[in-house]
Amino acid sequence: MSHLDSLLAELEVTADAYWNISRENAVLLSSLLKAMGARRVLEVGTSNGYSTLWFAEAVAANGGEVVTLEFDPGRAALARENFERAGLAATITLIEGDACQTLKTLTGSAPFDFVFLDAEKPEYAEYLRLAVPLTRTNGLIIGDDTISLAAQMPEYLALAFAHPELESVAVPIDDGIVLSRKKG
């Protein structure tokens, strides 16, 4: 077992406390990143960095990077520790602050190949509006917890399927994801 695998297994023990995605979901998203040759990932909602580590490992081989946003300073500090422990800190840029405000400042960092939404559920629609212009053509935007917490994000769910620039599908894995491809 590699050092990264050991750390991921350790973080899985506390997954519920940090609202981490499941290993099954992480493997799916990591596989998508690898299959599409993604180099630039934007994650909204870092928590303890579990999903960030999966993304960073997937893009590191391509010389890629992950930009991740976290509001809570305590979780941001824990995530930074985990990035260092995994040896992936150089691949990850963590920005602390309100995601809606931070997303507005990232236009110079665009485009991203892959955007993962896993923060405040009632804000998902706004995250999506801000993320679409930051995403490259044929890039993916993934919304997490779309089955288990659907009641907290009705505007996002409607927008993801009605947005003229997106082709979306609901995937019933873990707590549910909506996978949206930005059309050309």
N, C-alpha and C. Protein backbone atom coordinates (compact mmCIF):
# COMPACT_ATOMS: atom_id res chain seq x y z
N MET A 1 0.84 -1.18 0.00
CA MET A 1 0.00 0.00 0.00
C MET A 1 0.89 1.25 0.00
N SER A 2 0.61 2.18 -0.93
CA SER A 2 1.41 3.39 -1.02
C SER A 2 1.11 4.34 0.14
N HIS A 3 1.96 5.32 0.29
CA HIS A 3 1.77 6.34 1.34
C HIS A 3 0.43 7.06 1.13
N LEU A 4 0.11 7.40 -0.12
CA LEU A 4 -1.15 8.07 -0.41
C LEU A 4 -2.34 7.17 -0.07
N ASP A 5 -2.26 5.90 -0.45
CA ASP A 5 -3.34 4.96 -0.14
C ASP A 5 -3.56 4.85 1.36
N SER A 6 -2.49 4.83 2.13
CA SER A 6 -2.61 4.76 3.59
C SER A 6 -3.29 6.00 4.14
N LEU A 7 -2.92 7.17 3.64
CA LEU A 7 -3.54 8.41 4.09
C LEU A 7 -5.02 8.46 3.71
N LEU A 8 -5.34 8.05 2.49
CA LEU A 8 -6.75 8.03 2.07
C LEU A 8 -7.57 7.09 2.95
N ALA A 9 -7.03 5.92 3.26
CA ALA A 9 -7.71 4.97 4.15
C ALA A 9 -7.92 5.57 5.53
N GLU A 10 -6.92 6.29 6.03
CA GLU A 10 -7.03 6.97 7.33
C GLU A 10 -8.15 8.02 7.29
N LEU A 11 -8.22 8.78 6.22
CA LEU A 11 -9.25 9.83 6.10
C LEU A 11 -10.65 9.23 5.94
N GLU A 12 -10.74 8.05 5.37
CA GLU A 12 -12.04 7.41 5.19
C GLU A 12 -12.68 7.06 6.53
N VAL A 13 -11.89 6.87 7.55
CA VAL A 13 -12.42 6.55 8.89
C VAL A 13 -13.25 7.72 9.43
N THR A 14 -12.87 8.94 9.07
CA THR A 14 -13.58 10.13 9.56
C THR A 14 -14.44 10.77 8.47
N ALA A 15 -14.76 10.03 7.44
CA ALA A 15 -15.48 10.57 6.28
C ALA A 15 -16.79 11.24 6.65
N ASP A 16 -17.56 10.65 7.54
CA ASP A 16 -18.85 11.24 7.90
C ASP A 16 -18.70 12.58 8.58
N ALA A 17 -17.70 12.71 9.44
CA ALA A 17 -17.48 13.97 10.16
C ALA A 17 -17.10 15.11 9.23
N TYR A 18 -16.48 14.78 8.10
CA TYR A 18 -16.01 15.81 7.17
C TYR A 18 -16.82 15.84 5.87
N TRP A 19 -17.87 15.08 5.80
CA TRP A 19 -18.75 15.06 4.62
C TRP A 19 -17.97 14.71 3.35
N ASN A 20 -17.05 13.76 3.48
CA ASN A 20 -16.26 13.35 2.32
C ASN A 20 -17.09 12.51 1.36
N ILE A 21 -16.70 12.54 0.10
CA ILE A 21 -17.32 11.66 -0.87
C ILE A 21 -16.89 10.22 -0.56
N SER A 22 -17.63 9.27 -1.09
CA SER A 22 -17.27 7.86 -0.87
C SER A 22 -16.07 7.50 -1.74
N ARG A 23 -15.41 6.42 -1.37
CA ARG A 23 -14.29 5.91 -2.18
C ARG A 23 -14.80 5.57 -3.59
N GLU A 24 -15.99 4.99 -3.68
CA GLU A 24 -16.56 4.63 -4.98
C GLU A 24 -16.70 5.87 -5.87
N ASN A 25 -17.20 6.96 -5.29
CA ASN A 25 -17.34 8.21 -6.02
C ASN A 25 -15.97 8.76 -6.39
N ALA A 26 -15.02 8.70 -5.46
CA ALA A 26 -13.66 9.20 -5.71
C ALA A 26 -13.00 8.45 -6.87
N VAL A 27 -13.16 7.14 -6.89
CA VAL A 27 -12.58 6.34 -7.97
C VAL A 27 -13.21 6.73 -9.31
N LEU A 28 -14.53 6.90 -9.33
CA LEU A 28 -15.21 7.31 -10.57
C LEU A 28 -14.67 8.66 -11.06
N LEU A 29 -14.64 9.65 -10.18
CA LEU A 29 -14.21 10.98 -10.59
C LEU A 29 -12.73 11.00 -10.99
N SER A 30 -11.90 10.28 -10.26
CA SER A 30 -10.49 10.16 -10.61
C SER A 30 -10.33 9.51 -11.98
N SER A 31 -11.11 8.49 -12.25
CA SER A 31 -11.06 7.81 -13.55
C SER A 31 -11.48 8.74 -14.68
N LEU A 32 -12.50 9.56 -14.43
CA LEU A 32 -12.93 10.54 -15.44
C LEU A 32 -11.81 11.53 -15.73
N LEU A 33 -11.16 12.01 -14.66
CA LEU A 33 -10.06 12.96 -14.83
C LEU A 33 -8.94 12.35 -15.68
N LYS A 34 -8.59 11.13 -15.38
CA LYS A 34 -7.52 10.46 -16.12
C LYS A 34 -7.93 10.21 -17.57
N ALA A 35 -9.18 9.77 -17.78
CA ALA A 35 -9.64 9.45 -19.13
C ALA A 35 -9.70 10.69 -20.02
N MET A 36 -10.06 11.83 -19.43
CA MET A 36 -10.16 13.06 -20.23
C MET A 36 -8.83 13.81 -20.31
N GLY A 37 -7.80 13.29 -19.65
CA GLY A 37 -6.50 13.95 -19.67
C GLY A 37 -6.54 15.31 -19.00
N ALA A 38 -7.36 15.44 -17.98
CA ALA A 38 -7.54 16.73 -17.30
C ALA A 38 -6.24 17.19 -16.67
N ARG A 39 -6.02 18.49 -16.74
CA ARG A 39 -4.84 19.09 -16.12
C ARG A 39 -5.23 20.16 -15.10
N ARG A 40 -6.42 20.73 -15.24
CA ARG A 40 -6.82 21.83 -14.36
C ARG A 40 -8.16 21.50 -13.72
N VAL A 41 -8.16 21.40 -12.39
CA VAL A 41 -9.36 21.06 -11.63
C VAL A 41 -9.67 22.21 -10.68
N LEU A 42 -10.95 22.54 -10.59
CA LEU A 42 -11.44 23.51 -9.61
C LEU A 42 -12.41 22.78 -8.70
N GLU A 43 -12.15 22.84 -7.40
CA GLU A 43 -13.01 22.18 -6.41
C GLU A 43 -13.59 23.25 -5.49
N VAL A 44 -14.90 23.24 -5.36
CA VAL A 44 -15.59 24.18 -4.46
C VAL A 44 -16.00 23.38 -3.23
N GLY A 45 -15.25 23.56 -2.14
CA GLY A 45 -15.49 22.82 -0.90
C GLY A 45 -14.40 21.79 -0.66
N THR A 46 -13.38 22.17 0.08
CA THR A 46 -12.22 21.32 0.31
C THR A 46 -12.42 20.35 1.47
N SER A 47 -13.01 20.84 2.55
CA SER A 47 -13.12 20.11 3.82
C SER A 47 -11.71 19.69 4.26
N ASN A 48 -11.51 18.39 4.53
CA ASN A 48 -10.20 17.93 4.99
C ASN A 48 -9.27 17.53 3.84
N GLY A 49 -9.74 17.72 2.62
CA GLY A 49 -8.89 17.47 1.45
C GLY A 49 -8.96 16.08 0.86
N TYR A 50 -9.88 15.25 1.32
CA TYR A 50 -9.97 13.87 0.81
C TYR A 50 -10.14 13.83 -0.70
N SER A 51 -11.19 14.46 -1.21
CA SER A 51 -11.43 14.43 -2.66
C SER A 51 -10.32 15.18 -3.40
N THR A 52 -9.80 16.25 -2.79
CA THR A 52 -8.72 17.02 -3.40
C THR A 52 -7.51 16.12 -3.68
N LEU A 53 -7.19 15.24 -2.74
CA LEU A 53 -6.06 14.33 -2.92
C LEU A 53 -6.29 13.39 -4.10
N TRP A 54 -7.49 12.88 -4.25
CA TRP A 54 -7.81 12.02 -5.39
C TRP A 54 -7.62 12.80 -6.69
N PHE A 55 -8.13 14.04 -6.72
CA PHE A 55 -8.02 14.85 -7.93
C PHE A 55 -6.55 15.18 -8.24
N ALA A 56 -5.80 15.56 -7.21
CA ALA A 56 -4.40 15.93 -7.39
C ALA A 56 -3.59 14.74 -7.90
N GLU A 57 -3.84 13.57 -7.36
CA GLU A 57 -3.13 12.36 -7.82
C GLU A 57 -3.45 12.09 -9.29
N ALA A 58 -4.71 12.32 -9.68
CA ALA A 58 -5.13 12.05 -11.06
C ALA A 58 -4.50 13.00 -12.07
N VAL A 59 -4.30 14.25 -11.69
CA VAL A 59 -3.77 15.23 -12.65
C VAL A 59 -2.26 15.43 -12.53
N ALA A 60 -1.67 14.98 -11.45
CA ALA A 60 -0.23 15.20 -11.22
C ALA A 60 0.62 14.59 -12.34
N ALA A 61 0.24 13.43 -12.82
CA ALA A 61 1.02 12.77 -13.87
C ALA A 61 1.06 13.60 -15.16
N ASN A 62 0.03 14.44 -15.35
CA ASN A 62 -0.03 15.30 -16.54
C ASN A 62 0.56 16.67 -16.28
N GLY A 63 1.18 16.85 -15.11
CA GLY A 63 1.69 18.18 -14.75
C GLY A 63 0.58 19.14 -14.41
N GLY A 64 -0.56 18.60 -13.97
CA GLY A 64 -1.73 19.41 -13.71
C GLY A 64 -1.76 20.01 -12.33
N GLU A 65 -2.86 20.71 -12.04
CA GLU A 65 -3.03 21.35 -10.74
C GLU A 65 -4.49 21.34 -10.33
N VAL A 66 -4.69 21.44 -9.01
CA VAL A 66 -6.03 21.56 -8.44
C VAL A 66 -6.08 22.89 -7.70
N VAL A 67 -7.12 23.66 -7.98
CA VAL A 67 -7.42 24.86 -7.20
C VAL A 67 -8.65 24.51 -6.38
N THR A 68 -8.55 24.62 -5.07
CA THR A 68 -9.65 24.22 -4.19
C THR A 68 -10.01 25.37 -3.27
N LEU A 69 -11.30 25.52 -3.00
CA LEU A 69 -11.83 26.64 -2.22
C LEU A 69 -12.44 26.12 -0.93
N GLU A 70 -12.09 26.76 0.19
CA GLU A 70 -12.62 26.36 1.50
C GLU A 70 -12.91 27.60 2.34
N PHE A 71 -14.08 27.63 2.94
CA PHE A 71 -14.50 28.75 3.77
C PHE A 71 -13.97 28.64 5.20
N ASP A 72 -13.96 27.43 5.75
CA ASP A 72 -13.63 27.21 7.16
C ASP A 72 -12.11 27.15 7.36
N PRO A 73 -11.54 28.08 8.15
CA PRO A 73 -10.08 28.09 8.34
C PRO A 73 -9.53 26.82 9.00
N GLY A 74 -10.28 26.22 9.91
CA GLY A 74 -9.83 24.99 10.56
C GLY A 74 -9.73 23.84 9.58
N ARG A 75 -10.72 23.72 8.73
CA ARG A 75 -10.69 22.65 7.73
C ARG A 75 -9.61 22.91 6.69
N ALA A 76 -9.42 24.19 6.34
CA ALA A 76 -8.36 24.54 5.39
C ALA A 76 -7.00 24.14 5.95
N ALA A 77 -6.77 24.41 7.23
CA ALA A 77 -5.48 24.05 7.86
C ALA A 77 -5.29 22.54 7.87
N LEU A 78 -6.34 21.80 8.20
CA LEU A 78 -6.26 20.34 8.19
C LEU A 78 -5.98 19.82 6.77
N ALA A 79 -6.65 20.40 5.80
CA ALA A 79 -6.44 19.98 4.41
C ALA A 79 -4.99 20.23 4.00
N ARG A 80 -4.45 21.40 4.35
CA ARG A 80 -3.05 21.69 3.99
C ARG A 80 -2.10 20.66 4.60
N GLU A 81 -2.37 20.27 5.85
CA GLU A 81 -1.55 19.22 6.49
C GLU A 81 -1.62 17.92 5.68
N ASN A 82 -2.84 17.57 5.26
CA ASN A 82 -3.02 16.33 4.49
C ASN A 82 -2.33 16.42 3.13
N PHE A 83 -2.34 17.59 2.51
CA PHE A 83 -1.66 17.76 1.21
C PHE A 83 -0.16 17.56 1.38
N GLU A 84 0.39 18.11 2.46
CA GLU A 84 1.83 17.94 2.75
C GLU A 84 2.14 16.47 3.02
N ARG A 85 1.32 15.83 3.86
CA ARG A 85 1.55 14.42 4.20
C ARG A 85 1.53 13.54 2.95
N ALA A 86 0.67 13.89 1.99
CA ALA A 86 0.54 13.09 0.77
C ALA A 86 1.64 13.39 -0.24
N GLY A 87 2.40 14.46 0.00
CA GLY A 87 3.42 14.86 -0.97
C GLY A 87 2.84 15.51 -2.21
N LEU A 88 1.61 16.03 -2.10
CA LEU A 88 0.94 16.62 -3.26
C LEU A 88 0.70 18.12 -3.11
N ALA A 89 1.27 18.73 -2.09
CA ALA A 89 1.03 20.16 -1.82
C ALA A 89 1.41 21.04 -3.01
N ALA A 90 2.44 20.68 -3.75
CA ALA A 90 2.88 21.50 -4.88
C ALA A 90 1.88 21.48 -6.04
N THR A 91 0.99 20.50 -6.03
CA THR A 91 -0.01 20.35 -7.09
C THR A 91 -1.31 21.07 -6.74
N ILE A 92 -1.45 21.53 -5.50
CA ILE A 92 -2.72 22.05 -4.99
C ILE A 92 -2.57 23.49 -4.52
N THR A 93 -3.52 24.33 -4.94
CA THR A 93 -3.62 25.70 -4.42
C THR A 93 -4.94 25.78 -3.67
N LEU A 94 -4.86 26.04 -2.37
CA LEU A 94 -6.07 26.17 -1.55
C LEU A 94 -6.30 27.66 -1.30
N ILE A 95 -7.51 28.11 -1.62
CA ILE A 95 -7.89 29.50 -1.41
C ILE A 95 -8.98 29.54 -0.35
N GLU A 96 -8.72 30.26 0.72
CA GLU A 96 -9.71 30.39 1.79
C GLU A 96 -10.63 31.57 1.53
N GLY A 97 -11.92 31.38 1.86
CA GLY A 97 -12.88 32.47 1.74
C GLY A 97 -14.20 31.98 1.20
N ASP A 98 -15.11 32.90 1.02
CA ASP A 98 -16.44 32.62 0.49
C ASP A 98 -16.32 32.19 -0.97
N ALA A 99 -16.88 31.04 -1.29
CA ALA A 99 -16.73 30.48 -2.63
C ALA A 99 -17.33 31.38 -3.71
N CYS A 100 -18.48 31.95 -3.47
CA CYS A 100 -19.10 32.80 -4.49
C CYS A 100 -18.21 34.01 -4.80
N GLN A 101 -17.64 34.59 -3.77
CA GLN A 101 -16.74 35.73 -3.99
C GLN A 101 -15.45 35.28 -4.68
N THR A 102 -14.89 34.16 -4.25
CA THR A 102 -13.64 33.67 -4.82
C THR A 102 -13.82 33.28 -6.29
N LEU A 103 -14.92 32.63 -6.61
CA LEU A 103 -15.17 32.21 -8.00
C LEU A 103 -15.14 33.42 -8.94
N LYS A 104 -15.62 34.55 -8.48
CA LYS A 104 -15.63 35.77 -9.30
C LYS A 104 -14.23 36.27 -9.61
N THR A 105 -13.24 35.87 -8.82
CA THR A 105 -11.87 36.34 -9.03
C THR A 105 -11.03 35.39 -9.88
N LEU A 106 -11.59 34.27 -10.30
CA LEU A 106 -10.81 33.24 -10.98
C LEU A 106 -10.82 33.32 -12.50
N THR A 107 -11.40 34.36 -13.06
CA THR A 107 -11.48 34.43 -14.53
C THR A 107 -10.11 34.37 -15.18
N GLY A 108 -9.09 34.94 -14.55
CA GLY A 108 -7.74 34.88 -15.10
C GLY A 108 -7.11 33.50 -15.00
N SER A 109 -7.68 32.63 -14.18
CA SER A 109 -7.18 31.27 -14.01
C SER A 109 -7.87 30.28 -14.94
N ALA A 110 -8.92 30.71 -15.60
CA ALA A 110 -9.69 29.83 -16.47
C ALA A 110 -8.91 29.57 -17.76
N PRO A 111 -9.24 28.52 -18.49
CA PRO A 111 -10.35 27.60 -18.22
C PRO A 111 -9.91 26.38 -17.41
N PHE A 112 -10.89 25.81 -16.73
CA PHE A 112 -10.70 24.56 -15.99
C PHE A 112 -11.29 23.42 -16.82
N ASP A 113 -10.68 22.25 -16.69
CA ASP A 113 -11.18 21.05 -17.38
C ASP A 113 -12.32 20.39 -16.62
N PHE A 114 -12.29 20.58 -15.30
CA PHE A 114 -13.18 19.81 -14.41
C PHE A 114 -13.47 20.68 -13.19
N VAL A 115 -14.74 20.81 -12.84
CA VAL A 115 -15.16 21.58 -11.67
C VAL A 115 -16.00 20.67 -10.80
N PHE A 116 -15.68 20.63 -9.51
CA PHE A 116 -16.41 19.78 -8.56
C PHE A 116 -17.07 20.67 -7.51
N LEU A 117 -18.39 20.60 -7.41
CA LEU A 117 -19.16 21.39 -6.45
C LEU A 117 -19.53 20.52 -5.27
N ASP A 118 -19.01 20.86 -4.09
CA ASP A 118 -19.30 20.08 -2.89
C ASP A 118 -19.18 20.99 -1.66
N ALA A 119 -19.96 22.07 -1.67
CA ALA A 119 -19.93 23.01 -0.54
C ALA A 119 -21.37 23.28 -0.12
N GLU A 120 -21.71 24.52 0.18
CA GLU A 120 -23.05 24.87 0.66
C GLU A 120 -24.10 24.56 -0.40
N LYS A 121 -24.96 23.60 -0.10
CA LYS A 121 -25.92 23.11 -1.09
C LYS A 121 -26.87 24.19 -1.62
N PRO A 122 -27.41 25.10 -0.76
CA PRO A 122 -28.30 26.14 -1.30
C PRO A 122 -27.58 27.11 -2.26
N GLU A 123 -26.25 27.12 -2.26
CA GLU A 123 -25.47 28.01 -3.13
C GLU A 123 -25.11 27.35 -4.47
N TYR A 124 -25.45 26.08 -4.66
CA TYR A 124 -25.03 25.37 -5.87
C TYR A 124 -25.43 26.08 -7.16
N ALA A 125 -26.62 26.64 -7.24
CA ALA A 125 -27.05 27.31 -8.47
C ALA A 125 -26.11 28.48 -8.79
N GLU A 126 -25.74 29.24 -7.77
CA GLU A 126 -24.82 30.37 -7.97
C GLU A 126 -23.43 29.85 -8.34
N TYR A 127 -22.98 28.79 -7.67
CA TYR A 127 -21.69 28.19 -8.04
C TYR A 127 -21.70 27.81 -9.52
N LEU A 128 -22.80 27.19 -9.95
CA LEU A 128 -22.89 26.74 -11.34
C LEU A 128 -22.84 27.93 -12.30
N ARG A 129 -23.60 28.97 -12.00
CA ARG A 129 -23.59 30.16 -12.86
C ARG A 129 -22.17 30.72 -12.99
N LEU A 130 -21.44 30.74 -11.90
CA LEU A 130 -20.09 31.28 -11.90
C LEU A 130 -19.08 30.31 -12.52
N ALA A 131 -19.34 29.01 -12.43
CA ALA A 131 -18.40 28.00 -12.92
C ALA A 131 -18.48 27.79 -14.43
N VAL A 132 -19.65 27.94 -15.02
CA VAL A 132 -19.78 27.67 -16.46
C VAL A 132 -18.79 28.50 -17.28
N PRO A 133 -18.66 29.81 -17.05
CA PRO A 133 -17.69 30.57 -17.84
C PRO A 133 -16.22 30.20 -17.56
N LEU A 134 -15.98 29.56 -16.42
CA LEU A 134 -14.62 29.16 -16.05
C LEU A 134 -14.23 27.79 -16.61
N THR A 135 -15.19 27.11 -17.24
CA THR A 135 -15.00 25.74 -17.69
C THR A 135 -14.79 25.70 -19.20
N ARG A 136 -13.83 24.91 -19.65
CA ARG A 136 -13.55 24.81 -21.08
C ARG A 136 -14.65 24.03 -21.80
N THR A 137 -14.73 24.21 -23.09
CA THR A 137 -15.64 23.42 -23.91
C THR A 137 -15.31 21.94 -23.70
N ASN A 138 -16.34 21.13 -23.53
CA ASN A 138 -16.24 19.70 -23.23
C ASN A 138 -15.69 19.41 -21.84
N GLY A 139 -15.52 20.43 -21.03
CA GLY A 139 -15.14 20.23 -19.63
C GLY A 139 -16.35 19.74 -18.85
N LEU A 140 -16.08 19.23 -17.66
CA LEU A 140 -17.15 18.68 -16.82
C LEU A 140 -17.33 19.51 -15.56
N ILE A 141 -18.59 19.66 -15.16
CA ILE A 141 -18.95 20.26 -13.88
C ILE A 141 -19.78 19.21 -13.14
N ILE A 142 -19.32 18.83 -11.96
CA ILE A 142 -19.97 17.79 -11.18
C ILE A 142 -20.57 18.41 -9.92
N GLY A 143 -21.85 18.20 -9.69
CA GLY A 143 -22.49 18.59 -8.44
C GLY A 143 -22.67 17.36 -7.57
N ASP A 144 -22.25 17.43 -6.31
CA ASP A 144 -22.31 16.27 -5.40
C ASP A 144 -23.54 16.35 -4.50
N ASP A 145 -23.93 15.20 -3.95
CA ASP A 145 -25.04 15.07 -2.98
C ASP A 145 -26.39 15.42 -3.59
N THR A 146 -26.55 15.16 -4.86
CA THR A 146 -27.75 15.60 -5.56
C THR A 146 -28.98 14.72 -5.35
N ILE A 147 -28.79 13.57 -4.74
CA ILE A 147 -29.94 12.74 -4.36
C ILE A 147 -30.23 12.96 -2.88
N SER A 148 -29.23 12.76 -2.04
CA SER A 148 -29.43 12.82 -0.59
C SER A 148 -29.83 14.21 -0.11
N LEU A 149 -29.36 15.25 -0.77
CA LEU A 149 -29.65 16.62 -0.33
C LEU A 149 -30.36 17.44 -1.41
N ALA A 150 -31.10 16.75 -2.26
CA ALA A 150 -31.80 17.41 -3.37
C ALA A 150 -32.73 18.52 -2.89
N ALA A 151 -33.34 18.34 -1.73
CA ALA A 151 -34.27 19.35 -1.22
C ALA A 151 -33.58 20.68 -0.92
N GLN A 152 -32.26 20.65 -0.75
CA GLN A 152 -31.51 21.88 -0.46
C GLN A 152 -31.01 22.58 -1.73
N MET A 153 -31.23 21.96 -2.90
CA MET A 153 -30.68 22.54 -4.13
C MET A 153 -31.63 22.47 -5.32
N PRO A 154 -32.93 22.77 -5.13
CA PRO A 154 -33.85 22.66 -6.27
C PRO A 154 -33.49 23.60 -7.43
N GLU A 155 -33.00 24.79 -7.13
CA GLU A 155 -32.64 25.73 -8.20
C GLU A 155 -31.47 25.20 -9.02
N TYR A 156 -30.48 24.62 -8.35
CA TYR A 156 -29.34 24.04 -9.06
C TYR A 156 -29.79 22.90 -9.96
N LEU A 157 -30.61 22.00 -9.42
CA LEU A 157 -31.04 20.84 -10.20
C LEU A 157 -31.81 21.28 -11.45
N ALA A 158 -32.66 22.28 -11.31
CA ALA A 158 -33.39 22.78 -12.47
C ALA A 158 -32.43 23.42 -13.47
N LEU A 159 -31.51 24.24 -12.97
CA LEU A 159 -30.58 24.96 -13.84
C LEU A 159 -29.63 24.02 -14.56
N ALA A 160 -29.13 23.00 -13.88
CA ALA A 160 -28.19 22.07 -14.51
C ALA A 160 -28.80 21.40 -15.73
N PHE A 161 -30.09 21.13 -15.68
CA PHE A 161 -30.75 20.43 -16.79
C PHE A 161 -31.36 21.37 -17.82
N ALA A 162 -31.46 22.66 -17.49
CA ALA A 162 -32.05 23.62 -18.42
C ALA A 162 -31.02 24.58 -19.02
N HIS A 163 -29.84 24.62 -18.47
CA HIS A 163 -28.81 25.57 -18.92
C HIS A 163 -28.47 25.29 -20.39
N PRO A 164 -28.53 26.31 -21.24
CA PRO A 164 -28.30 26.08 -22.68
C PRO A 164 -26.88 25.64 -23.04
N GLU A 165 -25.91 25.89 -22.15
CA GLU A 165 -24.53 25.51 -22.45
C GLU A 165 -24.15 24.14 -21.89
N LEU A 166 -25.10 23.48 -21.21
CA LEU A 166 -24.77 22.23 -20.53
C LEU A 166 -25.61 21.06 -21.02
N GLU A 167 -24.97 19.90 -21.01
CA GLU A 167 -25.65 18.63 -21.22
C GLU A 167 -25.44 17.86 -19.92
N SER A 168 -26.53 17.56 -19.21
CA SER A 168 -26.40 17.01 -17.85
C SER A 168 -27.09 15.66 -17.72
N VAL A 169 -26.55 14.87 -16.79
CA VAL A 169 -27.12 13.56 -16.48
C VAL A 169 -26.98 13.33 -14.97
N ALA A 170 -28.01 12.77 -14.37
CA ALA A 170 -27.96 12.40 -12.95
C ALA A 170 -27.37 11.00 -12.85
N VAL A 171 -26.42 10.83 -11.95
CA VAL A 171 -25.75 9.54 -11.77
C VAL A 171 -26.00 9.09 -10.33
N PRO A 172 -26.72 7.98 -10.14
CA PRO A 172 -27.07 7.55 -8.78
C PRO A 172 -25.95 6.77 -8.10
N ILE A 173 -24.85 7.43 -7.84
CA ILE A 173 -23.72 6.84 -7.14
C ILE A 173 -23.59 7.54 -5.79
N ASP A 174 -23.31 6.81 -4.72
CA ASP A 174 -23.15 7.38 -3.39
C ASP A 174 -24.37 8.23 -3.06
N ASP A 175 -24.20 9.52 -2.78
CA ASP A 175 -25.32 10.41 -2.46
C ASP A 175 -25.86 11.10 -3.70
N GLY A 176 -25.42 10.66 -4.87
CA GLY A 176 -25.87 11.21 -6.13
C GLY A 176 -24.97 12.32 -6.63
N ILE A 177 -24.73 12.31 -7.94
CA ILE A 177 -24.03 13.41 -8.58
C ILE A 177 -24.81 13.80 -9.84
N VAL A 178 -24.65 15.04 -10.22
CA VAL A 178 -25.10 15.50 -11.55
C VAL A 178 -23.83 15.83 -12.31
N LEU A 179 -23.65 15.18 -13.43
CA LEU A 179 -22.50 15.37 -14.29
C LEU A 179 -22.96 16.23 -15.46
N SER A 180 -22.34 17.39 -15.64
CA SER A 180 -22.70 18.31 -16.72
C SER A 180 -21.48 18.54 -17.60
N ARG A 181 -21.68 18.35 -18.92
CA ARG A 181 -20.63 18.63 -19.89
C ARG A 181 -20.94 19.97 -20.54
N LYS A 182 -19.92 20.84 -20.61
CA LYS A 182 -20.10 22.13 -21.28
C LYS A 182 -20.02 21.90 -22.78
N LYS A 183 -21.09 22.25 -23.46
CA LYS A 183 -21.16 22.06 -24.91
C LYS A 183 -20.28 23.07 -25.65
N GLY A 184 -19.92 22.71 -26.87
CA GLY A 184 -19.10 23.59 -27.69
C GLY A 184 -19.90 24.61 -28.43
